[in-house]
Amino acid sequence: MNATLDAWPIINVPSIQLVQGHEMGETEKYKPSDYAIGVVSVLSGGTVKTVKTIGKVVGTVEDIEKKAKNLEKAAKTTNFTKYPTGFDEVAKYVKEYKKLPDNYITKKQAKALGWERKEGNLHEVAPGKSMGGDIYRNDDGVLPSKAGRTWYEADINYISGYRGGDRILYSNDGLVYKTSDHYKTFTEIK
């Protein structure tokens, strides 16, 4: 066996440690999860001790298995809802319910959670949320005006980082428009 281990000097020490079942110079035996860490160390060329140190930060195989089981259990007992995020989906929702889906928050709500426009951190402070519900002033008069009409805006297709140029603009009386170029052009969604 020593001849085989000597043939691979890169993995010599970690291999010996795995065979002996403990760190060289130490008497504490490995736990089952340490063997998994040891295999990783042998394959990666590191020492068992180095990988165990990393493992303390990341967690043992047993911890990871426990977390995975808890996540699986939560997934089975949670009623997941897919919120609309595309142009047609959000427009349909707004027309039907006269409001944005629950995954939308206003700029004021986002700021209260720690959102900073210059940092593009909405996905960090409000995971799964998109910006929407703020008044769009229609200062240039491109959208149809009418006494008593109020326009609102909502981001479309937002996932993370800085907000893109896709928006819908919807009115309090049922009109919905979209823009993909950050308010340069508008198309009505019927």
Foldseek 3Di string as FASTA:
>chain_A
DVVVLVVPVLLNQLVVCLVVQHHVPDDDGDDPQLNVLSVVCSVVSHHSVVSVVVCVVVHTPVVVVVVVVVVVVCVVVDDDDDAAFADVRQLVVCLVVVDGPPLEDEPVVQVVQPDDQVWQASCPSRNSHWYWDAWDPCVVVPDPDDPPKTKIKTQGPDHTGHGAQWMWIAISVRWIWIDRHNPPDIDTDD
